[in-house]
Amino acid sequence: MFNFGQRLKKIREEKGLTQKQFAEKIGSTERGIQHYEAGDREPAFRVILSILDNIDVDANYLLGRTDTPAVLKGA
């Protein structure tokens, strides 16, 4: 079953970023990332857009529509 927090954590770790670095990169807070990864909160639409704009990740993978991460070309 899809879990946004687990998927987000996996993406962050694959990029070699701490929660603080990831938060700074997407314009969020470290505590916010902790809440998202723990499944305590779901990010606002603007946060999801920021993740997609700043981290090379396919929206379908991030949002659980596919289990196959795609490498974005030209990103």
N, C-alpha and C. Protein backbone atom coordinates (compact mmCIF):
# COMPACT_ATOMS: atom_id res chain seq x y z
N MET A 1 0.83 -1.18 0.00
CA MET A 1 0.00 0.00 0.00
C MET A 1 0.88 1.25 0.00
N PHE A 2 0.48 2.27 -0.70
CA PHE A 2 1.23 3.50 -0.85
C PHE A 2 1.26 4.29 0.46
N ASN A 3 2.43 4.79 0.81
CA ASN A 3 2.60 5.64 1.97
C ASN A 3 3.46 6.83 1.54
N PHE A 4 2.85 8.02 1.47
CA PHE A 4 3.54 9.21 1.01
C PHE A 4 4.80 9.48 1.82
N GLY A 5 4.70 9.36 3.14
CA GLY A 5 5.85 9.64 4.01
C GLY A 5 7.03 8.74 3.73
N GLN A 6 6.76 7.46 3.54
CA GLN A 6 7.84 6.52 3.23
C GLN A 6 8.47 6.84 1.88
N ARG A 7 7.63 7.19 0.92
CA ARG A 7 8.12 7.52 -0.41
C ARG A 7 8.98 8.79 -0.35
N LEU A 8 8.52 9.79 0.40
CA LEU A 8 9.26 11.04 0.53
C LEU A 8 10.62 10.80 1.20
N LYS A 9 10.62 10.01 2.24
CA LYS A 9 11.88 9.70 2.94
C LYS A 9 12.85 8.97 2.02
N LYS A 10 12.35 8.03 1.25
CA LYS A 10 13.20 7.30 0.32
C LYS A 10 13.83 8.24 -0.70
N ILE A 11 13.03 9.14 -1.24
CA ILE A 11 13.54 10.11 -2.21
C ILE A 11 14.62 10.98 -1.58
N ARG A 12 14.33 11.49 -0.38
CA ARG A 12 15.29 12.35 0.32
C ARG A 12 16.60 11.62 0.57
N GLU A 13 16.52 10.40 1.07
CA GLU A 13 17.72 9.63 1.38
C GLU A 13 18.51 9.30 0.12
N GLU A 14 17.81 8.99 -0.97
CA GLU A 14 18.49 8.70 -2.23
C GLU A 14 19.25 9.91 -2.76
N LYS A 15 18.76 11.10 -2.43
CA LYS A 15 19.44 12.34 -2.83
C LYS A 15 20.57 12.70 -1.86
N GLY A 16 20.71 11.94 -0.77
CA GLY A 16 21.76 12.19 0.21
C GLY A 16 21.53 13.44 1.03
N LEU A 17 20.27 13.80 1.25
CA LEU A 17 19.93 15.02 1.97
C LEU A 17 19.42 14.71 3.37
N THR A 18 19.80 15.55 4.34
CA THR A 18 19.21 15.46 5.66
C THR A 18 17.82 16.06 5.58
N GLN A 19 17.03 15.87 6.63
CA GLN A 19 15.71 16.49 6.65
C GLN A 19 15.81 18.01 6.57
N LYS A 20 16.80 18.56 7.25
CA LYS A 20 17.00 20.01 7.24
C LYS A 20 17.38 20.50 5.84
N GLN A 21 18.31 19.82 5.19
CA GLN A 21 18.72 20.20 3.83
C GLN A 21 17.55 20.10 2.85
N PHE A 22 16.79 19.03 2.98
CA PHE A 22 15.64 18.81 2.11
C PHE A 22 14.62 19.93 2.31
N ALA A 23 14.35 20.25 3.57
CA ALA A 23 13.40 21.31 3.89
C ALA A 23 13.84 22.65 3.29
N GLU A 24 15.11 22.98 3.44
CA GLU A 24 15.63 24.23 2.90
C GLU A 24 15.51 24.27 1.39
N LYS A 25 15.77 23.14 0.76
CA LYS A 25 15.72 23.05 -0.70
C LYS A 25 14.31 23.28 -1.24
N ILE A 26 13.30 22.82 -0.50
CA ILE A 26 11.92 22.95 -1.00
C ILE A 26 11.15 24.10 -0.34
N GLY A 27 11.81 24.83 0.56
CA GLY A 27 11.14 25.96 1.20
C GLY A 27 10.18 25.56 2.30
N SER A 28 10.53 24.50 3.02
CA SER A 28 9.70 24.02 4.12
C SER A 28 10.53 24.11 5.40
N THR A 29 10.09 23.40 6.43
CA THR A 29 10.84 23.34 7.68
C THR A 29 11.24 21.90 7.95
N GLU A 30 12.29 21.75 8.75
CA GLU A 30 12.73 20.41 9.12
C GLU A 30 11.60 19.68 9.86
N ARG A 31 10.91 20.38 10.74
CA ARG A 31 9.81 19.76 11.48
C ARG A 31 8.68 19.33 10.53
N GLY A 32 8.44 20.14 9.50
CA GLY A 32 7.44 19.78 8.51
C GLY A 32 7.80 18.48 7.81
N ILE A 33 9.06 18.34 7.42
CA ILE A 33 9.52 17.11 6.77
C ILE A 33 9.36 15.93 7.72
N GLN A 34 9.69 16.14 8.99
CA GLN A 34 9.52 15.07 9.98
C GLN A 34 8.06 14.63 10.05
N HIS A 35 7.15 15.58 10.05
CA HIS A 35 5.72 15.24 10.10
C HIS A 35 5.27 14.49 8.85
N TYR A 36 5.73 14.93 7.68
CA TYR A 36 5.35 14.26 6.44
C TYR A 36 5.87 12.83 6.41
N GLU A 37 7.15 12.66 6.78
CA GLU A 37 7.76 11.33 6.74
C GLU A 37 7.13 10.39 7.76
N ALA A 38 6.71 10.91 8.89
CA ALA A 38 6.09 10.08 9.93
C ALA A 38 4.63 9.78 9.62
N GLY A 39 4.08 10.47 8.63
CA GLY A 39 2.69 10.26 8.28
C GLY A 39 1.72 11.02 9.18
N ASP A 40 2.26 11.96 9.96
CA ASP A 40 1.41 12.75 10.86
C ASP A 40 0.63 13.82 10.11
N ARG A 41 1.20 14.29 9.00
CA ARG A 41 0.56 15.33 8.19
C ARG A 41 0.81 15.06 6.72
N GLU A 42 -0.08 15.60 5.92
CA GLU A 42 0.12 15.57 4.47
C GLU A 42 0.50 16.98 4.03
N PRO A 43 1.43 17.09 3.09
CA PRO A 43 1.86 18.41 2.66
C PRO A 43 0.79 19.14 1.86
N ALA A 44 0.85 20.45 1.94
CA ALA A 44 -0.03 21.28 1.13
C ALA A 44 0.38 21.14 -0.33
N PHE A 45 -0.54 21.47 -1.20
CA PHE A 45 -0.28 21.38 -2.63
C PHE A 45 0.97 22.16 -3.04
N ARG A 46 1.17 23.35 -2.47
CA ARG A 46 2.34 24.16 -2.80
C ARG A 46 3.64 23.46 -2.42
N VAL A 47 3.62 22.69 -1.33
CA VAL A 47 4.81 21.95 -0.91
C VAL A 47 5.08 20.81 -1.90
N ILE A 48 4.05 20.13 -2.33
CA ILE A 48 4.22 19.07 -3.32
C ILE A 48 4.81 19.65 -4.60
N LEU A 49 4.28 20.78 -5.03
CA LEU A 49 4.81 21.42 -6.23
C LEU A 49 6.27 21.81 -6.05
N SER A 50 6.63 22.30 -4.89
CA SER A 50 8.01 22.67 -4.62
C SER A 50 8.93 21.45 -4.65
N ILE A 51 8.46 20.34 -4.11
CA ILE A 51 9.25 19.10 -4.17
C ILE A 51 9.50 18.74 -5.63
N LEU A 52 8.43 18.77 -6.42
CA LEU A 52 8.55 18.39 -7.84
C LEU A 52 9.45 19.37 -8.60
N ASP A 53 9.42 20.64 -8.24
CA ASP A 53 10.23 21.65 -8.92
C ASP A 53 11.71 21.58 -8.52
N ASN A 54 11.99 21.13 -7.30
CA ASN A 54 13.36 21.21 -6.78
C ASN A 54 14.08 19.88 -6.65
N ILE A 55 13.37 18.80 -6.73
CA ILE A 55 13.97 17.47 -6.61
C ILE A 55 13.61 16.68 -7.86
N ASP A 56 14.58 16.07 -8.49
CA ASP A 56 14.32 15.31 -9.72
C ASP A 56 13.53 14.05 -9.40
N VAL A 57 12.21 14.20 -9.41
CA VAL A 57 11.34 13.06 -9.13
C VAL A 57 10.08 13.18 -9.98
N ASP A 58 9.61 12.06 -10.44
CA ASP A 58 8.38 12.00 -11.24
C ASP A 58 7.17 12.13 -10.31
N ALA A 59 6.24 12.99 -10.66
CA ALA A 59 5.04 13.21 -9.85
C ALA A 59 4.27 11.91 -9.63
N ASN A 60 4.18 11.07 -10.62
CA ASN A 60 3.43 9.81 -10.48
C ASN A 60 4.07 8.91 -9.43
N TYR A 61 5.39 8.91 -9.34
CA TYR A 61 6.08 8.11 -8.33
C TYR A 61 5.86 8.72 -6.95
N LEU A 62 6.07 10.03 -6.83
CA LEU A 62 5.91 10.70 -5.54
C LEU A 62 4.50 10.52 -4.99
N LEU A 63 3.51 10.57 -5.87
CA LEU A 63 2.12 10.51 -5.44
C LEU A 63 1.54 9.09 -5.42
N GLY A 64 2.39 8.09 -5.64
CA GLY A 64 1.96 6.71 -5.50
C GLY A 64 1.18 6.14 -6.66
N ARG A 65 1.25 6.81 -7.81
CA ARG A 65 0.51 6.31 -8.98
C ARG A 65 1.29 5.23 -9.71
N THR A 66 2.59 5.14 -9.41
CA THR A 66 3.44 4.08 -9.95
C THR A 66 4.48 3.74 -8.90
N ASP A 67 4.96 2.52 -8.93
CA ASP A 67 6.01 2.10 -8.01
C ASP A 67 7.38 2.15 -8.66
N THR A 68 7.43 2.59 -9.90
CA THR A 68 8.69 2.65 -10.64
C THR A 68 9.16 4.10 -10.72
N PRO A 69 10.22 4.42 -9.99
CA PRO A 69 10.74 5.78 -10.09
C PRO A 69 11.29 6.02 -11.50
N ALA A 70 10.94 7.14 -12.05
CA ALA A 70 11.43 7.49 -13.38
C ALA A 70 12.52 8.53 -13.24
N VAL A 71 13.54 8.41 -14.05
CA VAL A 71 14.57 9.42 -14.11
C VAL A 71 14.09 10.50 -15.05
N LEU A 72 14.03 11.73 -14.54
CA LEU A 72 13.57 12.82 -15.37
C LEU A 72 14.68 13.26 -16.30
N LYS A 73 14.35 13.36 -17.55
CA LYS A 73 15.33 13.76 -18.55
C LYS A 73 15.37 15.28 -18.62
N GLY A 74 16.60 15.82 -18.68
CA GLY A 74 16.78 17.25 -18.80
C GLY A 74 16.57 18.00 -17.50
N ALA A 75 16.45 17.29 -16.39
CA ALA A 75 16.23 17.97 -15.10
C ALA A 75 17.53 18.10 -14.35
